[in-house]
Amino acid sequence: MGSILAGKHRKKSKLSETIESSLYIMIPILIITLFVIVLFLFPSSKKQNDKLDTNKKTNSNYISDNIALKNKTNDKIMKTEQVPSIYSYMQSDNIKAIHTLSAMDTIYSCDINSPYLSITFDDCPSGEMEKILDLLDEYDMKCTFFVIGEYVKNSDGWVKEMINRGHTVGNHSYDHPSFKRISDNKILEQINDTDDLIKKETDEKVSLIRPPYGSTTDEVTKMLNQQGYSLIMWNIDSLDWKLSAKSAYKRASKADKGDIVLFHTGKANLHELKLYLQKIKTKD
């Protein structure tokens, strides 16, 4: 009996030794594996953070990217080859659209010494157009409306009304596709179809374009410049399409001379727009 128990004890000892040996091997392997996983995860997190930071910069009014563009366009503000103005003069008694721009590369803003800024509206005509135009008249503000062809086609003469009230009209494509996702021929079709509708209604040729989503490439910009168009972007985005009206107009209130401010007529809040116009009217 004693020998049998001893045999069992020896078997257990061998089993324990086997387990211990395995653990000595497995523990370092597990540690190394965990270390590799950590190394793998941290760069991914950093990459994600970098992506978030990039998105934040993209949504921060393009200010950092715009410094070079301001310097680039500064000497091209007053050229003899003139296209419709995008700037409205800010002073307490009168606001006139008197600055002109020549056809050039994509414009986000300009360095100017006079108190000029540009109020622009996209996706027009939409929303409460009559009330928006009446408010602009009340504060003697001249703006730029970038119109969409299919909206123009179904509107009741609002594009002509914009021009009759002293505003500038620009082309915002026919049905708002990204210019990065369609061919050059399709881009020109979008622009020409909208131009034809504007000309039919107003008998005027448009020289300003704002690509949908602000989406363009160097090649597209060059092609449109060669067609005689100026591409007008923005450097102050109200984000009125996703923020509350109060927050959107607060963002827009940061605009200073030379800035181009982006709104959408379909998202306009008349009360906040009135307060905004009052504020910039009295700016120094």
C-alpha atoms as a PDB file:
ATOM      1  CA  MET A   1       0.000   0.000   0.000  1.00  0.00           C
ATOM      2  CA  GLY A   2       2.825   2.354   0.900  1.00  0.00           C
ATOM      3  CA  SER A   3       4.520   1.788  -2.456  1.00  0.00           C
ATOM      4  CA  ILE A   4       1.283   2.516  -4.311  1.00  0.00           C
ATOM      5  CA  LEU A   5       0.813   5.843  -2.508  1.00  0.00           C
ATOM      6  CA  ALA A   6       4.404   6.757  -3.174  1.00  0.00           C
ATOM      7  CA  GLY A   7       3.889   6.006  -6.865  1.00  0.00           C
ATOM      8  CA  LYS A   8       0.868   8.284  -6.987  1.00  0.00           C
ATOM      9  CA  HIS A   9       2.807  10.994  -5.200  1.00  0.00           C
ATOM     10  CA  ARG A  10       5.602  10.741  -7.738  1.00  0.00           C
ATOM     11  CA  LYS A  11       3.083  11.015 -10.587  1.00  0.00           C
ATOM     12  CA  LYS A  12       1.601  14.182  -9.056  1.00  0.00           C
ATOM     13  CA  SER A  13       5.046  15.651  -8.652  1.00  0.00           C
ATOM     14  CA  LYS A  14       5.838  15.015 -12.304  1.00  0.00           C
ATOM     15  CA  LEU A  15       2.525  16.627 -13.279  1.00  0.00           C
ATOM     16  CA  SER A  16       3.279  19.644 -11.120  1.00  0.00           C
ATOM     17  CA  GLU A  17       6.707  19.927 -12.629  1.00  0.00           C
ATOM     18  CA  THR A  18       5.215  19.819 -16.114  1.00  0.00           C
ATOM     19  CA  ILE A  19       2.712  22.574 -15.243  1.00  0.00           C
ATOM     20  CA  GLU A  20       5.400  24.709 -13.661  1.00  0.00           C
ATOM     21  CA  SER A  21       7.656  24.282 -16.684  1.00  0.00           C
ATOM     22  CA  SER A  22       4.809  25.270 -18.981  1.00  0.00           C
ATOM     23  CA  LEU A  23       4.083  28.325 -16.875  1.00  0.00           C
ATOM     24  CA  TYR A  24       7.706  29.425 -17.016  1.00  0.00           C
ATOM     25  CA  ILE A  25       7.453  29.273 -20.790  1.00  0.00           C
ATOM     26  CA  MET A  26       3.932  30.727 -21.155  1.00  0.00           C
ATOM     27  CA  ILE A  27       4.246  33.708 -18.800  1.00  0.00           C
ATOM     28  CA  PRO A  28       7.067  35.402 -20.765  1.00  0.00           C
ATOM     29  CA  ILE A  29       5.176  34.691 -23.990  1.00  0.00           C
ATOM     30  CA  LEU A  30       2.037  36.308 -22.539  1.00  0.00           C
ATOM     31  CA  ILE A  31       4.021  39.321 -21.329  1.00  0.00           C
ATOM     32  CA  ILE A  32       5.620  39.787 -24.732  1.00  0.00           C
ATOM     33  CA  THR A  33       2.251  39.388 -26.445  1.00  0.00           C
ATOM     34  CA  LEU A  34       0.650  42.003 -24.189  1.00  0.00           C
ATOM     35  CA  PHE A  35       3.584  44.347 -24.811  1.00  0.00           C
ATOM     36  CA  VAL A  36       3.188  43.974 -28.577  1.00  0.00           C
ATOM     37  CA  ILE A  37      -0.558  44.615 -28.295  1.00  0.00           C
ATOM     38  CA  VAL A  38       0.080  47.795 -26.305  1.00  0.00           C
ATOM     39  CA  LEU A  39       2.611  48.997 -28.851  1.00  0.00           C
ATOM     40  CA  PHE A  40       0.137  48.295 -31.611  1.00  0.00           C
ATOM     41  CA  LEU A  41      -2.735  50.072 -29.890  1.00  0.00           C
ATOM     42  CA  PHE A  42      -0.944  53.279 -28.914  1.00  0.00           C
ATOM     43  CA  PRO A  43       0.020  54.327 -32.450  1.00  0.00           C
ATOM     44  CA  SER A  44      -3.556  53.631 -33.547  1.00  0.00           C
ATOM     45  CA  SER A  45      -4.867  55.896 -30.808  1.00  0.00           C
ATOM     46  CA  LYS A  46      -2.408  58.590 -31.782  1.00  0.00           C
ATOM     47  CA  LYS A  47      -3.418  58.256 -35.404  1.00  0.00           C
ATOM     48  CA  GLN A  48      -7.070  58.596 -34.440  1.00  0.00           C
ATOM     49  CA  ASN A  49      -6.295  61.661 -32.322  1.00  0.00           C
ATOM     50  CA  ASP A  50      -4.359  63.166 -35.196  1.00  0.00           C
ATOM     51  CA  LYS A  51      -7.366  62.578 -37.417  1.00  0.00           C
ATOM     52  CA  LEU A  52      -9.646  64.263 -34.897  1.00  0.00           C
ATOM     53  CA  ASP A  53      -7.258  67.186 -34.641  1.00  0.00           C
ATOM     54  CA  THR A  54      -7.226  67.467 -38.417  1.00  0.00           C
ATOM     55  CA  ASN A  55     -11.009  67.540 -38.495  1.00  0.00           C
ATOM     56  CA  LYS A  56     -11.036  70.228 -35.816  1.00  0.00           C
ATOM     57  CA  LYS A  57      -8.607  72.317 -37.832  1.00  0.00           C
ATOM     58  CA  THR A  58     -10.709  71.823 -40.950  1.00  0.00           C
ATOM     59  CA  ASN A  59     -13.787  73.067 -39.101  1.00  0.00           C
ATOM     60  CA  SER A  60     -11.980  76.014 -37.501  1.00  0.00           C
ATOM     61  CA  ASN A  61     -12.664  78.445 -40.314  1.00  0.00           C
ATOM     62  CA  TYR A  62      -9.595  77.420 -42.352  1.00  0.00           C
ATOM     63  CA  ILE A  63      -7.687  80.186 -40.552  1.00  0.00           C
ATOM     64  CA  SER A  64      -4.256  78.532 -40.426  1.00  0.00           C
ATOM     65  CA  ASP A  65      -4.385  77.418 -44.065  1.00  0.00           C
ATOM     66  CA  ASN A  66      -5.706  80.774 -45.126  1.00  0.00           C
ATOM     67  CA  ILE A  67      -2.713  82.921 -44.141  1.00  0.00           C
ATOM     68  CA  ALA A  68      -0.795  81.997 -47.275  1.00  0.00           C
ATOM     69  CA  LEU A  69      -3.901  82.434 -49.418  1.00  0.00           C
ATOM     70  CA  LYS A  70      -4.388  85.935 -48.063  1.00  0.00           C
ATOM     71  CA  ASN A  71      -0.831  86.845 -48.967  1.00  0.00           C
ATOM     72  CA  LYS A  72      -1.251  85.228 -52.370  1.00  0.00           C
ATOM     73  CA  THR A  73      -4.400  87.141 -53.309  1.00  0.00           C
ATOM     74  CA  ASN A  74      -3.570  90.490 -51.730  1.00  0.00           C
ATOM     75  CA  ASP A  75      -2.054  92.046 -54.855  1.00  0.00           C
ATOM     76  CA  LYS A  76      -4.905  90.802 -57.064  1.00  0.00           C
ATOM     77  CA  ILE A  77      -7.810  92.628 -55.442  1.00  0.00           C
ATOM     78  CA  MET A  78      -7.967  95.623 -57.760  1.00  0.00           C
ATOM     79  CA  LYS A  79      -7.281  94.346 -61.272  1.00  0.00           C
ATOM     80  CA  THR A  80      -8.556  95.818 -64.508  1.00  0.00           C
ATOM     81  CA  GLU A  81     -10.144  92.527 -65.589  1.00  0.00           C
ATOM     82  CA  GLN A  82     -13.156  92.898 -63.326  1.00  0.00           C
ATOM     83  CA  VAL A  83     -15.773  90.461 -62.162  1.00  0.00           C
ATOM     84  CA  PRO A  84     -18.707  91.108 -59.798  1.00  0.00           C
ATOM     85  CA  SER A  85     -17.849  92.177 -56.277  1.00  0.00           C
ATOM     86  CA  ILE A  86     -18.054  89.935 -53.255  1.00  0.00           C
ATOM     87  CA  TYR A  87     -17.227  92.633 -50.710  1.00  0.00           C
ATOM     88  CA  SER A  88     -19.595  94.904 -48.820  1.00  0.00           C
ATOM     89  CA  TYR A  89     -18.295  98.062 -47.190  1.00  0.00           C
ATOM     90  CA  MET A  90     -19.028  98.318 -43.477  1.00  0.00           C
ATOM     91  CA  GLN A  91     -19.752 101.756 -42.062  1.00  0.00           C
ATOM     92  CA  SER A  92     -22.593 103.193 -40.048  1.00  0.00           C
ATOM     93  CA  ASP A  93     -24.344 105.203 -42.751  1.00  0.00           C
ATOM     94  CA  ASN A  94     -23.875 103.230 -45.969  1.00  0.00           C
ATOM     95  CA  ILE A  95     -22.768  99.853 -47.269  1.00  0.00           C
ATOM     96  CA  LYS A  96     -21.750  99.533 -50.877  1.00  0.00           C
ATOM     97  CA  ALA A  97     -20.370  96.646 -52.901  1.00  0.00           C
ATOM     98  CA  ILE A  98     -17.454  98.360 -54.639  1.00  0.00           C
ATOM     99  CA  HIS A  99     -14.484  95.989 -54.564  1.00  0.00           C
ATOM    100  CA  THR A 100     -13.769  93.827 -57.566  1.00  0.00           C
ATOM    101  CA  LEU A 101     -11.706  90.718 -58.111  1.00  0.00           C
ATOM    102  CA  SER A 102     -10.016  89.346 -61.195  1.00  0.00           C
ATOM    103  CA  ALA A 103     -10.297  85.698 -62.191  1.00  0.00           C
ATOM    104  CA  MET A 104      -7.694  83.853 -60.142  1.00  0.00           C
ATOM    105  CA  ASP A 105      -7.116  80.808 -57.988  1.00  0.00           C
ATOM    106  CA  THR A 106      -9.476  79.701 -55.241  1.00  0.00           C
ATOM    107  CA  ILE A 107     -10.178  82.582 -52.846  1.00  0.00           C
ATOM    108  CA  TYR A 108     -10.854  82.106 -49.130  1.00  0.00           C
ATOM    109  CA  SER A 109     -10.338  85.700 -48.030  1.00  0.00           C
ATOM    110  CA  CYS A 110      -8.211  88.712 -48.869  1.00  0.00           C
ATOM    111  CA  ASP A 111      -5.919  91.118 -47.063  1.00  0.00           C
ATOM    112  CA  ILE A 112      -7.449  94.551 -47.329  1.00  0.00           C
ATOM    113  CA  ASN A 113      -6.885  97.717 -45.327  1.00  0.00           C
ATOM    114  CA  SER A 114     -10.434  99.037 -45.633  1.00  0.00           C
ATOM    115  CA  PRO A 115     -13.301  97.746 -43.446  1.00  0.00           C
ATOM    116  CA  TYR A 116     -14.697  95.294 -45.968  1.00  0.00           C
ATOM    117  CA  LEU A 117     -16.111  91.844 -45.420  1.00  0.00           C
ATOM    118  CA  SER A 118     -18.243  89.529 -47.526  1.00  0.00           C
ATOM    119  CA  ILE A 119     -21.539  88.006 -46.426  1.00  0.00           C
ATOM    120  CA  THR A 120     -22.398  85.041 -48.611  1.00  0.00           C
ATOM    121  CA  PHE A 121     -25.351  82.680 -48.716  1.00  0.00           C
ATOM    122  CA  ASP A 122     -25.326  79.185 -50.248  1.00  0.00           C
ATOM    123  CA  ASP A 123     -28.035  76.863 -51.608  1.00  0.00           C
ATOM    124  CA  CYS A 124     -30.173  79.734 -52.869  1.00  0.00           C
ATOM    125  CA  PRO A 125     -32.920  80.532 -53.465  1.00  0.00           C
ATOM    126  CA  SER A 126     -34.353  78.721 -50.447  1.00  0.00           C
ATOM    127  CA  GLY A 127     -35.931  79.541 -47.125  1.00  0.00           C
ATOM    128  CA  GLU A 128     -37.671  82.838 -46.466  1.00  0.00           C
ATOM    129  CA  MET A 129     -36.081  84.742 -49.338  1.00  0.00           C
ATOM    130  CA  GLU A 130     -38.360  87.782 -49.231  1.00  0.00           C
ATOM    131  CA  LYS A 131     -37.811  88.345 -45.520  1.00  0.00           C
ATOM    132  CA  ILE A 132     -34.054  87.798 -45.858  1.00  0.00           C
ATOM    133  CA  LEU A 133     -33.853  90.326 -48.684  1.00  0.00           C
ATOM    134  CA  ASP A 134     -36.005  92.782 -46.738  1.00  0.00           C
ATOM    135  CA  LEU A 135     -33.660  92.522 -43.745  1.00  0.00           C
ATOM    136  CA  LEU A 136     -30.637  93.129 -45.945  1.00  0.00           C
ATOM    137  CA  ASP A 137     -32.398  96.178 -47.415  1.00  0.00           C
ATOM    138  CA  GLU A 138     -33.197  97.449 -43.941  1.00  0.00           C
ATOM    139  CA  TYR A 139     -29.489  97.477 -43.035  1.00  0.00           C
ATOM    140  CA  ASP A 140     -28.335  98.414 -46.528  1.00  0.00           C
ATOM    141  CA  MET A 141     -26.256  95.223 -46.830  1.00  0.00           C
ATOM    142  CA  LYS A 142     -25.168  93.885 -50.198  1.00  0.00           C
ATOM    143  CA  CYS A 143     -24.391  90.178 -50.231  1.00  0.00           C
ATOM    144  CA  THR A 144     -23.455  87.361 -52.587  1.00  0.00           C
ATOM    145  CA  PHE A 145     -25.963  84.559 -53.168  1.00  0.00           C
ATOM    146  CA  PHE A 146     -24.631  81.298 -54.595  1.00  0.00           C
ATOM    147  CA  VAL A 147     -27.552  79.650 -56.327  1.00  0.00           C
ATOM    148  CA  ILE A 148     -28.341  76.039 -57.199  1.00  0.00           C
ATOM    149  CA  GLY A 149     -29.701  75.440 -60.691  1.00  0.00           C
ATOM    150  CA  GLU A 150     -32.610  73.202 -59.784  1.00  0.00           C
ATOM    151  CA  TYR A 151     -33.710  75.748 -57.163  1.00  0.00           C
ATOM    152  CA  VAL A 152     -33.496  78.541 -59.715  1.00  0.00           C
ATOM    153  CA  LYS A 153     -35.558  76.476 -62.144  1.00  0.00           C
ATOM    154  CA  ASN A 154     -38.352  76.115 -59.594  1.00  0.00           C
ATOM    155  CA  SER A 155     -38.145  79.587 -58.042  1.00  0.00           C
ATOM    156  CA  ASP A 156     -40.474  82.491 -58.709  1.00  0.00           C
ATOM    157  CA  GLY A 157     -37.988  85.035 -59.992  1.00  0.00           C
ATOM    158  CA  TRP A 158     -35.917  85.296 -56.834  1.00  0.00           C
ATOM    159  CA  VAL A 159     -32.582  85.423 -58.659  1.00  0.00           C
ATOM    160  CA  LYS A 160     -33.713  88.455 -60.626  1.00  0.00           C
ATOM    161  CA  GLU A 161     -34.976  89.988 -57.396  1.00  0.00           C
ATOM    162  CA  MET A 162     -31.559  89.506 -55.750  1.00  0.00           C
ATOM    163  CA  ILE A 163     -29.879  91.397 -58.580  1.00  0.00           C
ATOM    164  CA  ASN A 164     -32.563  94.085 -58.680  1.00  0.00           C
ATOM    165  CA  ARG A 165     -31.866  94.755 -55.002  1.00  0.00           C
ATOM    166  CA  GLY A 166     -28.167  95.218 -55.660  1.00  0.00           C
ATOM    167  CA  HIS A 167     -26.781  91.832 -54.644  1.00  0.00           C
ATOM    168  CA  THR A 168     -24.345  89.607 -56.514  1.00  0.00           C
ATOM    169  CA  VAL A 169     -25.259  86.118 -57.743  1.00  0.00           C
ATOM    170  CA  GLY A 170     -22.804  83.242 -58.044  1.00  0.00           C
ATOM    171  CA  ASN A 171     -23.036  79.689 -59.376  1.00  0.00           C
ATOM    172  CA  HIS A 172     -23.275  76.830 -56.833  1.00  0.00           C
ATOM    173  CA  SER A 173     -23.829  73.995 -59.377  1.00  0.00           C
ATOM    174  CA  TYR A 174     -27.086  72.495 -60.607  1.00  0.00           C
ATOM    175  CA  ASP A 175     -27.803  69.850 -57.951  1.00  0.00           C
ATOM    176  CA  HIS A 176     -24.889  70.100 -55.494  1.00  0.00           C
ATOM    177  CA  PRO A 177     -22.516  67.213 -56.312  1.00  0.00           C
ATOM    178  CA  SER A 178     -18.930  67.124 -55.055  1.00  0.00           C
ATOM    179  CA  PHE A 179     -16.646  68.304 -57.859  1.00  0.00           C
ATOM    180  CA  LYS A 180     -14.071  65.776 -56.668  1.00  0.00           C
ATOM    181  CA  ARG A 181     -16.394  62.902 -57.525  1.00  0.00           C
ATOM    182  CA  ILE A 182     -17.534  63.780 -61.028  1.00  0.00           C
ATOM    183  CA  SER A 183     -15.750  64.219 -64.354  1.00  0.00           C
ATOM    184  CA  ASP A 184     -14.677  67.546 -65.814  1.00  0.00           C
ATOM    185  CA  ASN A 185     -17.430  67.270 -68.416  1.00  0.00           C
ATOM    186  CA  LYS A 186     -20.023  66.746 -65.687  1.00  0.00           C
ATOM    187  CA  ILE A 187     -18.665  69.726 -63.761  1.00  0.00           C
ATOM    188  CA  LEU A 188     -18.974  71.965 -66.791  1.00  0.00           C
ATOM    189  CA  GLU A 189     -22.466  70.607 -67.407  1.00  0.00           C
ATOM    190  CA  GLN A 190     -23.446  71.469 -63.830  1.00  0.00           C
ATOM    191  CA  ILE A 191     -22.110  74.994 -64.210  1.00  0.00           C
ATOM    192  CA  ASN A 192     -23.366  75.675 -67.734  1.00  0.00           C
ATOM    193  CA  ASP A 193     -26.885  74.452 -66.961  1.00  0.00           C
ATOM    194  CA  THR A 194     -27.059  76.756 -63.942  1.00  0.00           C
ATOM    195  CA  ASP A 195     -25.526  79.666 -65.854  1.00  0.00           C
ATOM    196  CA  ASP A 196     -28.154  79.249 -68.572  1.00  0.00           C
ATOM    197  CA  LEU A 197     -30.971  79.373 -66.014  1.00  0.00           C
ATOM    198  CA  ILE A 198     -29.513  82.493 -64.382  1.00  0.00           C
ATOM    199  CA  LYS A 199     -29.013  84.204 -67.737  1.00  0.00           C
ATOM    200  CA  LYS A 200     -32.539  83.290 -68.836  1.00  0.00           C
ATOM    201  CA  GLU A 201     -33.973  84.923 -65.725  1.00  0.00           C
ATOM    202  CA  THR A 202     -31.634  87.894 -65.368  1.00  0.00           C
ATOM    203  CA  ASP A 203     -29.874  88.292 -68.732  1.00  0.00           C
ATOM    204  CA  GLU A 204     -26.584  88.379 -66.809  1.00  0.00           C
ATOM    205  CA  LYS A 205     -23.466  86.199 -67.069  1.00  0.00           C
ATOM    206  CA  VAL A 206     -22.158  84.789 -63.799  1.00  0.00           C
ATOM    207  CA  SER A 207     -18.435  84.952 -63.054  1.00  0.00           C
ATOM    208  CA  LEU A 208     -18.291  83.595 -59.508  1.00  0.00           C
ATOM    209  CA  ILE A 209     -18.474  79.931 -58.515  1.00  0.00           C
ATOM    210  CA  ARG A 210     -18.602  78.266 -55.144  1.00  0.00           C
ATOM    211  CA  PRO A 211     -18.061  74.501 -55.481  1.00  0.00           C
ATOM    212  CA  PRO A 212     -20.518  72.412 -53.446  1.00  0.00           C
ATOM    213  CA  TYR A 213     -19.035  71.509 -50.048  1.00  0.00           C
ATOM    214  CA  GLY A 214     -16.068  73.702 -50.998  1.00  0.00           C
ATOM    215  CA  SER A 215     -14.811  70.602 -52.785  1.00  0.00           C
ATOM    216  CA  THR A 216     -12.350  71.128 -55.639  1.00  0.00           C
ATOM    217  CA  THR A 217      -8.905  70.155 -56.895  1.00  0.00           C
ATOM    218  CA  ASP A 218      -6.047  72.118 -58.436  1.00  0.00           C
ATOM    219  CA  GLU A 219      -6.979  70.711 -61.826  1.00  0.00           C
ATOM    220  CA  VAL A 220     -10.645  71.687 -61.484  1.00  0.00           C
ATOM    221  CA  THR A 221      -9.707  75.152 -60.244  1.00  0.00           C
ATOM    222  CA  LYS A 222      -7.383  75.665 -63.213  1.00  0.00           C
ATOM    223  CA  MET A 223     -10.053  74.488 -65.636  1.00  0.00           C
ATOM    224  CA  LEU A 224     -12.656  76.872 -64.198  1.00  0.00           C
ATOM    225  CA  ASN A 225     -10.191  79.772 -64.090  1.00  0.00           C
ATOM    226  CA  GLN A 226      -9.519  79.167 -67.781  1.00  0.00           C
ATOM    227  CA  GLN A 227     -13.273  79.417 -68.347  1.00  0.00           C
ATOM    228  CA  GLY A 228     -13.164  82.872 -66.711  1.00  0.00           C
ATOM    229  CA  TYR A 229     -14.545  81.983 -63.299  1.00  0.00           C
ATOM    230  CA  SER A 230     -13.286  82.915 -59.845  1.00  0.00           C
ATOM    231  CA  LEU A 231     -13.775  80.240 -57.166  1.00  0.00           C
ATOM    232  CA  ILE A 232     -15.006  81.845 -53.968  1.00  0.00           C
ATOM    233  CA  MET A 233     -14.725  79.843 -50.752  1.00  0.00           C
ATOM    234  CA  TRP A 234     -14.930  81.186 -47.197  1.00  0.00           C
ATOM    235  CA  ASN A 235     -12.850  81.448 -44.041  1.00  0.00           C
ATOM    236  CA  ILE A 236     -15.657  82.015 -41.533  1.00  0.00           C
ATOM    237  CA  ASP A 237     -18.192  79.180 -41.524  1.00  0.00           C
ATOM    238  CA  SER A 238     -21.300  79.863 -39.449  1.00  0.00           C
ATOM    239  CA  LEU A 239     -22.102  76.121 -39.434  1.00  0.00           C
ATOM    240  CA  ASP A 240     -25.742  77.182 -39.464  1.00  0.00           C
ATOM    241  CA  TRP A 241     -26.642  73.810 -40.970  1.00  0.00           C
ATOM    242  CA  LYS A 242     -25.807  71.994 -37.721  1.00  0.00           C
ATOM    243  CA  LEU A 243     -25.521  74.519 -34.868  1.00  0.00           C
ATOM    244  CA  SER A 244     -28.262  76.373 -33.057  1.00  0.00           C
ATOM    245  CA  ALA A 245     -29.070  79.731 -34.623  1.00  0.00           C
ATOM    246  CA  LYS A 246     -27.537  81.625 -31.706  1.00  0.00           C
ATOM    247  CA  SER A 247     -24.289  79.628 -31.855  1.00  0.00           C
ATOM    248  CA  ALA A 248     -24.062  79.943 -35.648  1.00  0.00           C
ATOM    249  CA  TYR A 249     -24.397  83.722 -35.671  1.00  0.00           C
ATOM    250  CA  LYS A 250     -21.992  83.994 -32.744  1.00  0.00           C
ATOM    251  CA  ARG A 251     -19.389  82.183 -34.864  1.00  0.00           C
ATOM    252  CA  ALA A 252     -20.109  84.505 -37.768  1.00  0.00           C
ATOM    253  CA  SER A 253     -19.654  87.540 -35.533  1.00  0.00           C
ATOM    254  CA  LYS A 254     -15.929  86.783 -35.367  1.00  0.00           C
ATOM    255  CA  ALA A 255     -15.576  88.024 -38.937  1.00  0.00           C
ATOM    256  CA  ASP A 256     -13.172  90.865 -39.581  1.00  0.00           C
ATOM    257  CA  LYS A 257     -12.148  92.875 -42.624  1.00  0.00           C
ATOM    258  CA  GLY A 258     -11.267  90.719 -45.593  1.00  0.00           C
ATOM    259  CA  ASP A 259     -13.176  87.716 -44.285  1.00  0.00           C
ATOM    260  CA  ILE A 260     -15.755  85.772 -46.271  1.00  0.00           C
ATOM    261  CA  VAL A 261     -18.655  84.535 -44.131  1.00  0.00           C
ATOM    262  CA  LEU A 262     -20.756  81.515 -45.088  1.00  0.00           C
ATOM    263  CA  PHE A 263     -24.486  81.223 -44.379  1.00  0.00           C
ATOM    264  CA  HIS A 264     -27.345  79.245 -45.963  1.00  0.00           C
ATOM    265  CA  THR A 265     -30.635  80.942 -46.792  1.00  0.00           C
ATOM    266  CA  GLY A 266     -32.529  77.751 -46.006  1.00  0.00           C
ATOM    267  CA  LYS A 267     -31.108  77.791 -42.462  1.00  0.00           C
ATOM    268  CA  ALA A 268     -31.445  81.512 -41.801  1.00  0.00           C
ATOM    269  CA  ASN A 269     -32.980  82.512 -38.474  1.00  0.00           C
ATOM    270  CA  LEU A 270     -34.482  85.954 -39.073  1.00  0.00           C
ATOM    271  CA  HIS A 271     -34.178  87.134 -35.478  1.00  0.00           C
ATOM    272  CA  GLU A 272     -30.513  86.138 -35.169  1.00  0.00           C
ATOM    273  CA  LEU A 273     -29.741  87.431 -38.659  1.00  0.00           C
ATOM    274  CA  LYS A 274     -31.181  90.818 -37.692  1.00  0.00           C
ATOM    275  CA  LEU A 275     -28.996  90.947 -34.558  1.00  0.00           C
ATOM    276  CA  TYR A 276     -25.964  89.927 -36.618  1.00  0.00           C
ATOM    277  CA  LEU A 277     -26.559  92.648 -39.209  1.00  0.00           C
ATOM    278  CA  GLN A 278     -26.971  95.203 -36.444  1.00  0.00           C
ATOM    279  CA  LYS A 279     -23.685  94.137 -34.916  1.00  0.00           C
ATOM    280  CA  ILE A 280     -21.551  94.284 -38.037  1.00  0.00           C
ATOM    281  CA  LYS A 281     -23.256  97.488 -39.138  1.00  0.00           C
ATOM    282  CA  THR A 282     -21.809  99.269 -36.112  1.00  0.00           C
ATOM    283  CA  LYS A 283     -18.348  97.638 -36.249  1.00  0.00           C
ATOM    284  CA  ASP A 284     -15.425 100.003 -36.564  1.00  0.00           C
END
